[in-house]
Amino acid sequence: MKMVSQEPACPSIIKLLDWCEAEDKFVLIMERPKPCKNLYEFVMVNGGFGEVEARRLFRQLVEAHQHCEARGVFHRDLKPDNVIIQTSTHNVKLTDFGCGSLLKDAPFSSFIGKRG
């Protein structure tokens, strides 16, 4: 989170506002746009998007992923639950870097996220 949050920031990645280290964990304080839902909830309630809007949302996600790659980070768990959409603007933000990893020369060959 710290690597992808450094300036210049990407508007399609959730901002890390502050963090601290506790005895056995890290505590992250991140922005929470209002009003928002995760992408899965939004699609279930609203029934999806038209082609033009879907293309705009997908472009934001591609930009977020390119930003991560440029910072040496691989998200590893891109799914609708880890994307929030601001319901008033339809801007998206990539969240949950808990499965993330640093990019290295070796290719990734294992699945880390939850299936199904």
PDB file of N, CA and C in Angstrom:
ATOM      1  N   MET A   1       0.836  -1.199   0.000  1.00  0.00           N
ATOM      2  CA  MET A   1       0.000   0.000   0.000  1.00  0.00           C
ATOM      3  C   MET A   1       0.868   1.245   0.000  1.00  0.00           C
ATOM      4  N   LYS A   2       1.920   1.211   0.776  1.00  0.00           N
ATOM      5  CA  LYS A   2       2.772   2.396   0.862  1.00  0.00           C
ATOM      6  C   LYS A   2       3.429   2.697  -0.487  1.00  0.00           C
ATOM      7  N   MET A   3       3.842   1.666  -1.207  1.00  0.00           N
ATOM      8  CA  MET A   3       4.502   1.854  -2.499  1.00  0.00           C
ATOM      9  C   MET A   3       3.542   2.427  -3.546  1.00  0.00           C
ATOM     10  N   VAL A   4       2.303   1.948  -3.575  1.00  0.00           N
ATOM     11  CA  VAL A   4       1.362   2.420  -4.592  1.00  0.00           C
ATOM     12  C   VAL A   4       0.706   3.742  -4.200  1.00  0.00           C
ATOM     13  N   SER A   5       0.846   4.153  -2.947  1.00  0.00           N
ATOM     14  CA  SER A   5       0.231   5.400  -2.484  1.00  0.00           C
ATOM     15  C   SER A   5       1.142   6.615  -2.591  1.00  0.00           C
ATOM     16  N   GLN A   6       2.411   6.389  -2.911  1.00  0.00           N
ATOM     17  CA  GLN A   6       3.338   7.516  -3.014  1.00  0.00           C
ATOM     18  C   GLN A   6       2.956   8.426  -4.171  1.00  0.00           C
ATOM     19  N   GLU A   7       3.266   9.706  -4.021  1.00  0.00           N
ATOM     20  CA  GLU A   7       2.982  10.693  -5.074  1.00  0.00           C
ATOM     21  C   GLU A   7       3.884  10.451  -6.274  1.00  0.00           C
ATOM     22  N   PRO A   8       3.412  10.663  -7.473  1.00  0.00           N
ATOM     23  CA  PRO A   8       2.044  11.058  -7.793  1.00  0.00           C
ATOM     24  C   PRO A   8       1.093   9.882  -7.634  1.00  0.00           C
ATOM     25  N   ALA A   9       0.002  10.125  -6.960  1.00  0.00           N
ATOM     26  CA  ALA A   9      -0.968   9.077  -6.655  1.00  0.00           C
ATOM     27  C   ALA A   9      -1.822   8.760  -7.876  1.00  0.00           C
ATOM     28  N   CYS A  10      -2.406   7.593  -7.861  1.00  0.00           N
ATOM     29  CA  CYS A  10      -3.328   7.177  -8.915  1.00  0.00           C
ATOM     30  C   CYS A  10      -4.752   7.343  -8.375  1.00  0.00           C
ATOM     31  N   PRO A  11      -5.626   8.064  -9.076  1.00  0.00           N
ATOM     32  CA  PRO A  11      -6.986   8.275  -8.567  1.00  0.00           C
ATOM     33  C   PRO A  11      -7.821   7.001  -8.520  1.00  0.00           C
ATOM     34  N   SER A  12      -7.362   5.928  -9.152  1.00  0.00           N
ATOM     35  CA  SER A  12      -8.123   4.673  -9.173  1.00  0.00           C
ATOM     36  C   SER A  12      -7.611   3.649  -8.166  1.00  0.00           C
ATOM     37  N   ILE A  13      -6.798   4.106  -7.218  1.00  0.00           N
ATOM     38  CA  ILE A  13      -6.321   3.239  -6.128  1.00  0.00           C
ATOM     39  C   ILE A  13      -6.682   3.917  -4.819  1.00  0.00           C
ATOM     40  N   ILE A  14      -7.229   3.131  -3.904  1.00  0.00           N
ATOM     41  CA  ILE A  14      -7.621   3.660  -2.598  1.00  0.00           C
ATOM     42  C   ILE A  14      -6.402   4.302  -1.939  1.00  0.00           C
ATOM     43  N   LYS A  15      -6.573   5.452  -1.320  1.00  0.00           N
ATOM     44  CA  LYS A  15      -5.452   6.170  -0.709  1.00  0.00           C
ATOM     45  C   LYS A  15      -5.178   5.657   0.698  1.00  0.00           C
ATOM     46  N   LEU A  16      -3.924   5.429   0.963  1.00  0.00           N
ATOM     47  CA  LEU A  16      -3.463   5.103   2.301  1.00  0.00           C
ATOM     48  C   LEU A  16      -3.215   6.435   3.006  1.00  0.00           C
ATOM     49  N   LEU A  17      -4.001   6.732   4.029  1.00  0.00           N
ATOM     50  CA  LEU A  17      -3.885   8.010   4.738  1.00  0.00           C
ATOM     51  C   LEU A  17      -2.845   7.958   5.844  1.00  0.00           C
ATOM     52  N   ASP A  18      -2.772   6.823   6.534  1.00  0.00           N
ATOM     53  CA  ASP A  18      -1.821   6.664   7.631  1.00  0.00           C
ATOM     54  C   ASP A  18      -1.739   5.183   7.960  1.00  0.00           C
ATOM     55  N   TRP A  19      -0.745   4.806   8.714  1.00  0.00           N
ATOM     56  CA  TRP A  19      -0.621   3.428   9.164  1.00  0.00           C
ATOM     57  C   TRP A  19       0.243   3.382  10.414  1.00  0.00           C
ATOM     58  N   CYS A  20       0.080   2.313  11.173  1.00  0.00           N
ATOM     59  CA  CYS A  20       0.933   2.094  12.337  1.00  0.00           C
ATOM     60  C   CYS A  20       1.100   0.593  12.545  1.00  0.00           C
ATOM     61  N   GLU A  21       2.138   0.247  13.251  1.00  0.00           N
ATOM     62  CA  GLU A  21       2.427  -1.155  13.527  1.00  0.00           C
ATOM     63  C   GLU A  21       2.041  -1.461  14.960  1.00  0.00           C
ATOM     64  N   ALA A  22       1.158  -2.442  15.124  1.00  0.00           N
ATOM     65  CA  ALA A  22       0.778  -2.917  16.449  1.00  0.00           C
ATOM     66  C   ALA A  22       1.664  -4.126  16.779  1.00  0.00           C
ATOM     67  N   GLU A  23       1.407  -4.736  17.929  1.00  0.00           N
ATOM     68  CA  GLU A  23       2.231  -5.855  18.367  1.00  0.00           C
ATOM     69  C   GLU A  23       2.321  -6.972  17.333  1.00  0.00           C
ATOM     70  N   ASP A  24       1.186  -7.355  16.776  1.00  0.00           N
ATOM     71  CA  ASP A  24       1.165  -8.504  15.857  1.00  0.00           C
ATOM     72  C   ASP A  24       0.477  -8.212  14.532  1.00  0.00           C
ATOM     73  N   LYS A  25       0.302  -6.919  14.203  1.00  0.00           N
ATOM     74  CA  LYS A  25      -0.386  -6.577  12.956  1.00  0.00           C
ATOM     75  C   LYS A  25      -0.084  -5.140  12.572  1.00  0.00           C
ATOM     76  N   PHE A  26      -0.487  -4.810  11.367  1.00  0.00           N
ATOM     77  CA  PHE A  26      -0.425  -3.438  10.892  1.00  0.00           C
ATOM     78  C   PHE A  26      -1.844  -2.888  10.852  1.00  0.00           C
ATOM     79  N   VAL A  27      -1.993  -1.624  11.185  1.00  0.00           N
ATOM     80  CA  VAL A  27      -3.284  -0.952  11.107  1.00  0.00           C
ATOM     81  C   VAL A  27      -3.177   0.085   9.987  1.00  0.00           C
ATOM     82  N   LEU A  28      -4.036  -0.061   8.972  1.00  0.00           N
ATOM     83  CA  LEU A  28      -4.035   0.853   7.839  1.00  0.00           C
ATOM     84  C   LEU A  28      -5.257   1.749   7.906  1.00  0.00           C
ATOM     85  N   ILE A  29      -5.062   3.038   7.705  1.00  0.00           N
ATOM     86  CA  ILE A  29      -6.167   3.998   7.659  1.00  0.00           C
ATOM     87  C   ILE A  29      -6.252   4.489   6.221  1.00  0.00           C
ATOM     88  N   MET A  30      -7.374   4.142   5.571  1.00  0.00           N
ATOM     89  CA  MET A  30      -7.530   4.452   4.158  1.00  0.00           C
ATOM     90  C   MET A  30      -8.760   5.311   3.934  1.00  0.00           C
ATOM     91  N   GLU A  31      -8.773   5.984   2.794  1.00  0.00           N
ATOM     92  CA  GLU A  31      -9.937   6.802   2.451  1.00  0.00           C
ATOM     93  C   GLU A  31     -11.152   5.903   2.243  1.00  0.00           C
ATOM     94  N   ARG A  32     -12.334   6.476   2.359  1.00  0.00           N
ATOM     95  CA  ARG A  32     -13.585   5.772   2.073  1.00  0.00           C
ATOM     96  C   ARG A  32     -14.510   6.744   1.355  1.00  0.00           C
ATOM     97  N   PRO A  33     -14.494   6.711   0.020  1.00  0.00           N
ATOM     98  CA  PRO A  33     -15.375   7.620  -0.718  1.00  0.00           C
ATOM     99  C   PRO A  33     -16.840   7.356  -0.365  1.00  0.00           C
ATOM    100  N   LYS A  34     -17.643   8.399  -0.332  1.00  0.00           N
ATOM    101  CA  LYS A  34     -19.067   8.245  -0.029  1.00  0.00           C
ATOM    102  C   LYS A  34     -19.870   8.888  -1.137  1.00  0.00           C
ATOM    103  N   PRO A  35     -20.958   8.350  -1.508  1.00  0.00           N
ATOM    104  CA  PRO A  35     -21.420   6.991  -1.214  1.00  0.00           C
ATOM    105  C   PRO A  35     -20.700   6.004  -2.129  1.00  0.00           C
ATOM    106  N   CYS A  36     -20.482   4.782  -1.639  1.00  0.00           N
ATOM    107  CA  CYS A  36     -19.811   3.782  -2.467  1.00  0.00           C
ATOM    108  C   CYS A  36     -20.276   2.383  -2.100  1.00  0.00           C
ATOM    109  N   LYS A  37     -20.049   1.454  -3.017  1.00  0.00           N
ATOM    110  CA  LYS A  37     -20.306   0.023  -2.837  1.00  0.00           C
ATOM    111  C   LYS A  37     -19.179  -0.705  -3.539  1.00  0.00           C
ATOM    112  N   ASN A  38     -18.971  -1.967  -3.149  1.00  0.00           N
ATOM    113  CA  ASN A  38     -18.014  -2.700  -3.959  1.00  0.00           C
ATOM    114  C   ASN A  38     -18.669  -3.035  -5.288  1.00  0.00           C
ATOM    115  N   LEU A  39     -17.865  -3.338  -6.278  1.00  0.00           N
ATOM    116  CA  LEU A  39     -18.375  -3.519  -7.639  1.00  0.00           C
ATOM    117  C   LEU A  39     -19.375  -4.670  -7.719  1.00  0.00           C
ATOM    118  N   TYR A  40     -19.155  -5.728  -6.956  1.00  0.00           N
ATOM    119  CA  TYR A  40     -20.091  -6.856  -6.953  1.00  0.00           C
ATOM    120  C   TYR A  40     -21.473  -6.400  -6.475  1.00  0.00           C
ATOM    121  N   GLU A  41     -21.529  -5.710  -5.334  1.00  0.00           N
ATOM    122  CA  GLU A  41     -22.809  -5.224  -4.802  1.00  0.00           C
ATOM    123  C   GLU A  41     -23.490  -4.274  -5.783  1.00  0.00           C
ATOM    124  N   PHE A  42     -22.702  -3.392  -6.383  1.00  0.00           N
ATOM    125  CA  PHE A  42     -23.255  -2.417  -7.317  1.00  0.00           C
ATOM    126  C   PHE A  42     -23.921  -3.105  -8.505  1.00  0.00           C
ATOM    127  N   VAL A  43     -23.254  -4.099  -9.076  1.00  0.00           N
ATOM    128  CA  VAL A  43     -23.808  -4.817 -10.224  1.00  0.00           C
ATOM    129  C   VAL A  43     -25.050  -5.614  -9.823  1.00  0.00           C
ATOM    130  N   MET A  44     -25.050  -6.214  -8.652  1.00  0.00           N
ATOM    131  CA  MET A  44     -26.211  -7.003  -8.207  1.00  0.00           C
ATOM    132  C   MET A  44     -27.438  -6.098  -8.030  1.00  0.00           C
ATOM    133  N   VAL A  45     -27.236  -4.900  -7.514  1.00  0.00           N
ATOM    134  CA  VAL A  45     -28.345  -3.973  -7.280  1.00  0.00           C
ATOM    135  C   VAL A  45     -28.793  -3.287  -8.576  1.00  0.00           C
ATOM    136  N   ASN A  46     -27.831  -2.882  -9.407  1.00  0.00           N
ATOM    137  CA  ASN A  46     -28.139  -2.077 -10.590  1.00  0.00           C
ATOM    138  C   ASN A  46     -28.198  -2.859 -11.899  1.00  0.00           C
ATOM    139  N   GLY A  47     -27.846  -4.118 -11.872  1.00  0.00           N
ATOM    140  CA  GLY A  47     -27.957  -4.934 -13.071  1.00  0.00           C
ATOM    141  C   GLY A  47     -26.874  -4.743 -14.107  1.00  0.00           C
ATOM    142  N   GLY A  48     -25.772  -4.127 -13.765  1.00  0.00           N
ATOM    143  CA  GLY A  48     -24.660  -4.004 -14.701  1.00  0.00           C
ATOM    144  C   GLY A  48     -24.547  -2.639 -15.335  1.00  0.00           C
ATOM    145  N   PHE A  49     -23.794  -2.578 -16.436  1.00  0.00           N
ATOM    146  CA  PHE A  49     -23.478  -1.331 -17.116  1.00  0.00           C
ATOM    147  C   PHE A  49     -23.682  -1.488 -18.616  1.00  0.00           C
ATOM    148  N   GLY A  50     -23.884  -0.382 -19.283  1.00  0.00           N
ATOM    149  CA  GLY A  50     -23.844  -0.372 -20.734  1.00  0.00           C
ATOM    150  C   GLY A  50     -22.401  -0.450 -21.198  1.00  0.00           C
ATOM    151  N   GLU A  51     -22.211  -0.636 -22.494  1.00  0.00           N
ATOM    152  CA  GLU A  51     -20.870  -0.823 -23.037  1.00  0.00           C
ATOM    153  C   GLU A  51     -19.959   0.382 -22.798  1.00  0.00           C
ATOM    154  N   VAL A  52     -20.465   1.586 -22.991  1.00  0.00           N
ATOM    155  CA  VAL A  52     -19.635   2.789 -22.824  1.00  0.00           C
ATOM    156  C   VAL A  52     -19.193   2.935 -21.373  1.00  0.00           C
ATOM    157  N   GLU A  53     -20.109   2.745 -20.433  1.00  0.00           N
ATOM    158  CA  GLU A  53     -19.764   2.865 -19.010  1.00  0.00           C
ATOM    159  C   GLU A  53     -18.838   1.735 -18.574  1.00  0.00           C
ATOM    160  N   ALA A  54     -19.068   0.522 -19.043  1.00  0.00           N
ATOM    161  CA  ALA A  54     -18.188  -0.609 -18.713  1.00  0.00           C
ATOM    162  C   ALA A  54     -16.769  -0.351 -19.207  1.00  0.00           C
ATOM    163  N   ARG A  55     -16.650   0.213 -20.390  1.00  0.00           N
ATOM    164  CA  ARG A  55     -15.329   0.536 -20.952  1.00  0.00           C
ATOM    165  C   ARG A  55     -14.627   1.585 -20.081  1.00  0.00           C
ATOM    166  N   ARG A  56     -15.364   2.591 -19.612  1.00  0.00           N
ATOM    167  CA  ARG A  56     -14.788   3.633 -18.756  1.00  0.00           C
ATOM    168  C   ARG A  56     -14.310   3.044 -17.425  1.00  0.00           C
ATOM    169  N   LEU A  57     -15.112   2.158 -16.837  1.00  0.00           N
ATOM    170  CA  LEU A  57     -14.724   1.531 -15.576  1.00  0.00           C
ATOM    171  C   LEU A  57     -13.509   0.629 -15.764  1.00  0.00           C
ATOM    172  N   PHE A  58     -13.519  -0.139 -16.840  1.00  0.00           N
ATOM    173  CA  PHE A  58     -12.402  -1.039 -17.102  1.00  0.00           C
ATOM    174  C   PHE A  58     -11.115  -0.252 -17.335  1.00  0.00           C
ATOM    175  N   ARG A  59     -11.218   0.883 -18.028  1.00  0.00           N
ATOM    176  CA  ARG A  59     -10.049   1.729 -18.263  1.00  0.00           C
ATOM    177  C   ARG A  59      -9.448   2.187 -16.932  1.00  0.00           C
ATOM    178  N   GLN A  60     -10.298   2.551 -15.973  1.00  0.00           N
ATOM    179  CA  GLN A  60      -9.798   2.973 -14.656  1.00  0.00           C
ATOM    180  C   GLN A  60      -9.051   1.833 -13.965  1.00  0.00           C
ATOM    181  N   LEU A  61      -9.570   0.616 -14.095  1.00  0.00           N
ATOM    182  CA  LEU A  61      -8.910  -0.536 -13.472  1.00  0.00           C
ATOM    183  C   LEU A  61      -7.575  -0.850 -14.144  1.00  0.00           C
ATOM    184  N   VAL A  62      -7.528  -0.732 -15.454  1.00  0.00           N
ATOM    185  CA  VAL A  62      -6.269  -0.953 -16.170  1.00  0.00           C
ATOM    186  C   VAL A  62      -5.241   0.090 -15.745  1.00  0.00           C
ATOM    187  N   GLU A  63      -5.654   1.347 -15.628  1.00  0.00           N
ATOM    188  CA  GLU A  63      -4.742   2.398 -15.174  1.00  0.00           C
ATOM    189  C   GLU A  63      -4.233   2.113 -13.763  1.00  0.00           C
ATOM    190  N   ALA A  64      -5.114   1.632 -12.891  1.00  0.00           N
ATOM    191  CA  ALA A  64      -4.705   1.287 -11.528  1.00  0.00           C
ATOM    192  C   ALA A  64      -3.677   0.161 -11.547  1.00  0.00           C
ATOM    193  N   HIS A  65      -3.917  -0.850 -12.367  1.00  0.00           N
ATOM    194  CA  HIS A  65      -2.993  -1.978 -12.432  1.00  0.00           C
ATOM    195  C   HIS A  65      -1.655  -1.558 -13.039  1.00  0.00           C
ATOM    196  N   GLN A  66      -1.680  -0.686 -14.028  1.00  0.00           N
ATOM    197  CA  GLN A  66      -0.436  -0.177 -14.614  1.00  0.00           C
ATOM    198  C   GLN A  66       0.349   0.639 -13.588  1.00  0.00           C
ATOM    199  N   HIS A  67      -0.363   1.402 -12.770  1.00  0.00           N
ATOM    200  CA  HIS A  67       0.281   2.188 -11.710  1.00  0.00           C
ATOM    201  C   HIS A  67       0.971   1.248 -10.717  1.00  0.00           C
ATOM    202  N   CYS A  68       0.274   0.186 -10.328  1.00  0.00           N
ATOM    203  CA  CYS A  68       0.864  -0.792  -9.401  1.00  0.00           C
ATOM    204  C   CYS A  68       2.135  -1.391  -9.997  1.00  0.00           C
ATOM    205  N   GLU A  69       2.041  -1.805 -11.253  1.00  0.00           N
ATOM    206  CA  GLU A  69       3.196  -2.418 -11.917  1.00  0.00           C
ATOM    207  C   GLU A  69       4.366  -1.438 -11.979  1.00  0.00           C
ATOM    208  N   ALA A  70       4.086  -0.182 -12.277  1.00  0.00           N
ATOM    209  CA  ALA A  70       5.145   0.826 -12.334  1.00  0.00           C
ATOM    210  C   ALA A  70       5.809   1.025 -10.975  1.00  0.00           C
ATOM    211  N   ARG A  71       5.069   0.761  -9.898  1.00  0.00           N
ATOM    212  CA  ARG A  71       5.616   0.885  -8.539  1.00  0.00           C
ATOM    213  C   ARG A  71       6.212  -0.419  -8.034  1.00  0.00           C
ATOM    214  N   GLY A  72       6.209  -1.472  -8.882  1.00  0.00           N
ATOM    215  CA  GLY A  72       6.809  -2.746  -8.487  1.00  0.00           C
ATOM    216  C   GLY A  72       5.903  -3.618  -7.644  1.00  0.00           C
ATOM    217  N   VAL A  73       4.570  -3.429  -7.774  1.00  0.00           N
ATOM    218  CA  VAL A  73       3.609  -4.178  -6.959  1.00  0.00           C
ATOM    219  C   VAL A  73       2.668  -4.964  -7.869  1.00  0.00           C
ATOM    220  N   PHE A  74       2.390  -6.202  -7.495  1.00  0.00           N
ATOM    221  CA  PHE A  74       1.416  -7.041  -8.203  1.00  0.00           C
ATOM    222  C   PHE A  74       0.263  -7.292  -7.234  1.00  0.00           C
ATOM    223  N   HIS A  75      -0.949  -6.854  -7.574  1.00  0.00           N
ATOM    224  CA  HIS A  75      -2.112  -6.923  -6.677  1.00  0.00           C
ATOM    225  C   HIS A  75      -2.466  -8.361  -6.319  1.00  0.00           C
ATOM    226  N   ARG A  76      -2.536  -9.252  -7.260  1.00  0.00           N
ATOM    227  CA  ARG A  76      -2.775 -10.692  -7.131  1.00  0.00           C
ATOM    228  C   ARG A  76      -4.186 -11.096  -6.728  1.00  0.00           C
ATOM    229  N   ASP A  77      -5.104 -10.176  -6.557  1.00  0.00           N
ATOM    230  CA  ASP A  77      -6.467 -10.565  -6.152  1.00  0.00           C
ATOM    231  C   ASP A  77      -7.496  -9.597  -6.732  1.00  0.00           C
ATOM    232  N   LEU A  78      -7.373  -9.322  -8.026  1.00  0.00           N
ATOM    233  CA  LEU A  78      -8.291  -8.409  -8.685  1.00  0.00           C
ATOM    234  C   LEU A  78      -9.621  -9.120  -8.923  1.00  0.00           C
ATOM    235  N   LYS A  79     -10.666  -8.632  -8.263  1.00  0.00           N
ATOM    236  CA  LYS A  79     -12.015  -9.200  -8.381  1.00  0.00           C
ATOM    237  C   LYS A  79     -13.008  -8.119  -7.978  1.00  0.00           C
ATOM    238  N   PRO A  80     -14.307  -8.295  -8.317  1.00  0.00           N
ATOM    239  CA  PRO A  80     -15.305  -7.254  -8.019  1.00  0.00           C
ATOM    240  C   PRO A  80     -15.388  -6.857  -6.545  1.00  0.00           C
ATOM    241  N   ASP A  81     -15.131  -7.784  -5.629  1.00  0.00           N
ATOM    242  CA  ASP A  81     -15.172  -7.452  -4.203  1.00  0.00           C
ATOM    243  C   ASP A  81     -14.071  -6.480  -3.795  1.00  0.00           C
ATOM    244  N   ASN A  82     -12.983  -6.430  -4.565  1.00  0.00           N
ATOM    245  CA  ASN A  82     -11.843  -5.584  -4.228  1.00  0.00           C
ATOM    246  C   ASN A  82     -11.796  -4.297  -5.044  1.00  0.00           C
ATOM    247  N   VAL A  83     -12.921  -3.965  -5.652  1.00  0.00           N
ATOM    248  CA  VAL A  83     -13.063  -2.717  -6.395  1.00  0.00           C
ATOM    249  C   VAL A  83     -14.268  -1.990  -5.815  1.00  0.00           C
ATOM    250  N   ILE A  84     -14.071  -0.756  -5.374  1.00  0.00           N
ATOM    251  CA  ILE A  84     -15.226   0.017  -4.914  1.00  0.00           C
ATOM    252  C   ILE A  84     -15.561   1.049  -5.972  1.00  0.00           C
ATOM    253  N   ILE A  85     -16.847   1.322  -6.068  1.00  0.00           N
ATOM    254  CA  ILE A  85     -17.324   2.289  -7.043  1.00  0.00           C
ATOM    255  C   ILE A  85     -18.080   3.382  -6.297  1.00  0.00           C
ATOM    256  N   GLN A  86     -17.699   4.597  -6.558  1.00  0.00           N
ATOM    257  CA  GLN A  86     -18.414   5.724  -5.959  1.00  0.00           C
ATOM    258  C   GLN A  86     -19.715   5.868  -6.743  1.00  0.00           C
ATOM    259  N   THR A  87     -20.824   5.634  -6.084  1.00  0.00           N
ATOM    260  CA  THR A  87     -22.105   5.518  -6.779  1.00  0.00           C
ATOM    261  C   THR A  87     -22.566   6.824  -7.425  1.00  0.00           C
ATOM    262  N   SER A  88     -22.105   7.955  -6.937  1.00  0.00           N
ATOM    263  CA  SER A  88     -22.532   9.228  -7.519  1.00  0.00           C
ATOM    264  C   SER A  88     -21.742   9.593  -8.781  1.00  0.00           C
ATOM    265  N   THR A  89     -20.497   9.109  -8.910  1.00  0.00           N
ATOM    266  CA  THR A  89     -19.648   9.475 -10.047  1.00  0.00           C
ATOM    267  C   THR A  89     -19.269   8.296 -10.938  1.00  0.00           C
ATOM    268  N   HIS A  90     -19.448   7.087 -10.427  1.00  0.00           N
ATOM    269  CA  HIS A  90     -19.015   5.845 -11.091  1.00  0.00           C
ATOM    270  C   HIS A  90     -17.506   5.777 -11.270  1.00  0.00           C
ATOM    271  N   ASN A  91     -16.764   6.489 -10.415  1.00  0.00           N
ATOM    272  CA  ASN A  91     -15.313   6.330 -10.375  1.00  0.00           C
ATOM    273  C   ASN A  91     -14.993   5.129  -9.509  1.00  0.00           C
ATOM    274  N   VAL A  92     -13.982   4.351  -9.917  1.00  0.00           N
ATOM    275  CA  VAL A  92     -13.633   3.143  -9.179  1.00  0.00           C
ATOM    276  C   VAL A  92     -12.288   3.304  -8.493  1.00  0.00           C
ATOM    277  N   LYS A  93     -12.103   2.501  -7.445  1.00  0.00           N
ATOM    278  CA  LYS A  93     -10.842   2.470  -6.715  1.00  0.00           C
ATOM    279  C   LYS A  93     -10.516   1.019  -6.383  1.00  0.00           C
ATOM    280  N   LEU A  94      -9.292   0.638  -6.662  1.00  0.00           N
ATOM    281  CA  LEU A  94      -8.788  -0.694  -6.343  1.00  0.00           C
ATOM    282  C   LEU A  94      -8.416  -0.726  -4.863  1.00  0.00           C
ATOM    283  N   THR A  95      -8.852  -1.770  -4.177  1.00  0.00           N
ATOM    284  CA  THR A  95      -8.603  -1.910  -2.738  1.00  0.00           C
ATOM    285  C   THR A  95      -7.997  -3.274  -2.432  1.00  0.00           C
ATOM    286  N   ASP A  96      -7.742  -3.533  -1.178  1.00  0.00           N
ATOM    287  CA  ASP A  96      -7.332  -4.826  -0.634  1.00  0.00           C
ATOM    288  C   ASP A  96      -6.080  -5.389  -1.290  1.00  0.00           C
ATOM    289  N   PHE A  97      -4.954  -4.912  -0.824  1.00  0.00           N
ATOM    290  CA  PHE A  97      -3.669  -5.391  -1.314  1.00  0.00           C
ATOM    291  C   PHE A  97      -3.101  -6.485  -0.412  1.00  0.00           C
ATOM    292  N   GLY A  98      -3.975  -7.153   0.354  1.00  0.00           N
ATOM    293  CA  GLY A  98      -3.541  -8.181   1.303  1.00  0.00           C
ATOM    294  C   GLY A  98      -2.851  -9.364   0.667  1.00  0.00           C
ATOM    295  N   CYS A  99      -3.170  -9.692  -0.572  1.00  0.00           N
ATOM    296  CA  CYS A  99      -2.511 -10.790  -1.293  1.00  0.00           C
ATOM    297  C   CYS A  99      -1.399 -10.263  -2.189  1.00  0.00           C
ATOM    298  N   GLY A 100      -1.177  -8.949  -2.164  1.00  0.00           N
ATOM    299  CA  GLY A 100      -0.204  -8.331  -3.053  1.00  0.00           C
ATOM    300  C   GLY A 100       1.204  -8.844  -2.817  1.00  0.00           C
ATOM    301  N   SER A 101       2.027  -8.633  -3.819  1.00  0.00           N
ATOM    302  CA  SER A 101       3.408  -9.084  -3.761  1.00  0.00           C
ATOM    303  C   SER A 101       4.276  -8.110  -4.542  1.00  0.00           C
ATOM    304  N   LEU A 102       5.550  -8.110  -4.241  1.00  0.00           N
ATOM    305  CA  LEU A 102       6.482  -7.312  -5.020  1.00  0.00           C
ATOM    306  C   LEU A 102       6.767  -8.033  -6.325  1.00  0.00           C
ATOM    307  N   LEU A 103       6.814  -7.265  -7.403  1.00  0.00           N
ATOM    308  CA  LEU A 103       7.153  -7.854  -8.701  1.00  0.00           C
ATOM    309  C   LEU A 103       8.625  -8.227  -8.697  1.00  0.00           C
ATOM    310  N   LYS A 104       8.903  -9.397  -9.203  1.00  0.00           N
ATOM    311  CA  LYS A 104      10.281  -9.876  -9.296  1.00  0.00           C
ATOM    312  C   LYS A 104      10.505 -10.382 -10.706  1.00  0.00           C
ATOM    313  N   ASP A 105      11.707 -10.786 -10.991  1.00  0.00           N
ATOM    314  CA  ASP A 105      12.014 -11.293 -12.326  1.00  0.00           C
ATOM    315  C   ASP A 105      11.307 -12.609 -12.621  1.00  0.00           C
ATOM    316  N   ALA A 106      11.062 -13.438 -11.608  1.00  0.00           N
ATOM    317  CA  ALA A 106      10.420 -14.742 -11.828  1.00  0.00           C
ATOM    318  C   ALA A 106       8.933 -14.550 -12.073  1.00  0.00           C
ATOM    319  N   PRO A 107       8.346 -15.316 -12.980  1.00  0.00           N
ATOM    320  CA  PRO A 107       6.903 -15.198 -13.227  1.00  0.00           C
ATOM    321  C   PRO A 107       6.091 -15.775 -12.070  1.00  0.00           C
ATOM    322  N   PHE A 108       4.879 -15.263 -11.899  1.00  0.00           N
ATOM    323  CA  PHE A 108       3.978 -15.800 -10.891  1.00  0.00           C
ATOM    324  C   PHE A 108       3.293 -17.026 -11.472  1.00  0.00           C
ATOM    325  N   SER A 109       3.251 -18.117 -10.708  1.00  0.00           N
ATOM    326  CA  SER A 109       2.646 -19.346 -11.217  1.00  0.00           C
ATOM    327  C   SER A 109       1.670 -19.966 -10.252  1.00  0.00           C
ATOM    328  N   SER A 110       1.453 -19.337  -9.097  1.00  0.00           N
ATOM    329  CA  SER A 110       0.516 -19.911  -8.127  1.00  0.00           C
ATOM    330  C   SER A 110      -0.656 -18.968  -7.903  1.00  0.00           C
ATOM    331  N   PHE A 111      -1.801 -19.565  -7.567  1.00  0.00           N
ATOM    332  CA  PHE A 111      -3.015 -18.796  -7.281  1.00  0.00           C
ATOM    333  C   PHE A 111      -3.071 -18.523  -5.795  1.00  0.00           C
ATOM    334  N   ILE A 112      -3.294 -17.269  -5.392  1.00  0.00           N
ATOM    335  CA  ILE A 112      -3.299 -16.888  -3.995  1.00  0.00           C
ATOM    336  C   ILE A 112      -4.704 -16.561  -3.490  1.00  0.00           C
ATOM    337  N   GLY A 113      -5.544 -15.937  -4.299  1.00  0.00           N
ATOM    338  CA  GLY A 113      -6.864 -15.499  -3.877  1.00  0.00           C
ATOM    339  C   GLY A 113      -7.816 -16.645  -3.592  1.00  0.00           C
ATOM    340  N   LYS A 114      -9.018 -16.305  -3.191  1.00  0.00           N
ATOM    341  CA  LYS A 114     -10.058 -17.287  -2.877  1.00  0.00           C
ATOM    342  C   LYS A 114     -10.852 -17.585  -4.133  1.00  0.00           C
ATOM    343  N   ARG A 115     -11.040 -18.846  -4.447  1.00  0.00           N
ATOM    344  CA  ARG A 115     -11.814 -19.247  -5.631  1.00  0.00           C
ATOM    345  C   ARG A 115     -13.291 -19.297  -5.282  1.00  0.00           C
ATOM    346  N   GLY A 116     -14.102 -18.963  -6.293  1.00  0.00           N
ATOM    347  CA  GLY A 116     -15.557 -19.105  -6.130  1.00  0.00           C
ATOM    348  C   GLY A 116     -16.145 -18.037  -5.426  1.00  0.00           C
TER     349      GLY A 116
END
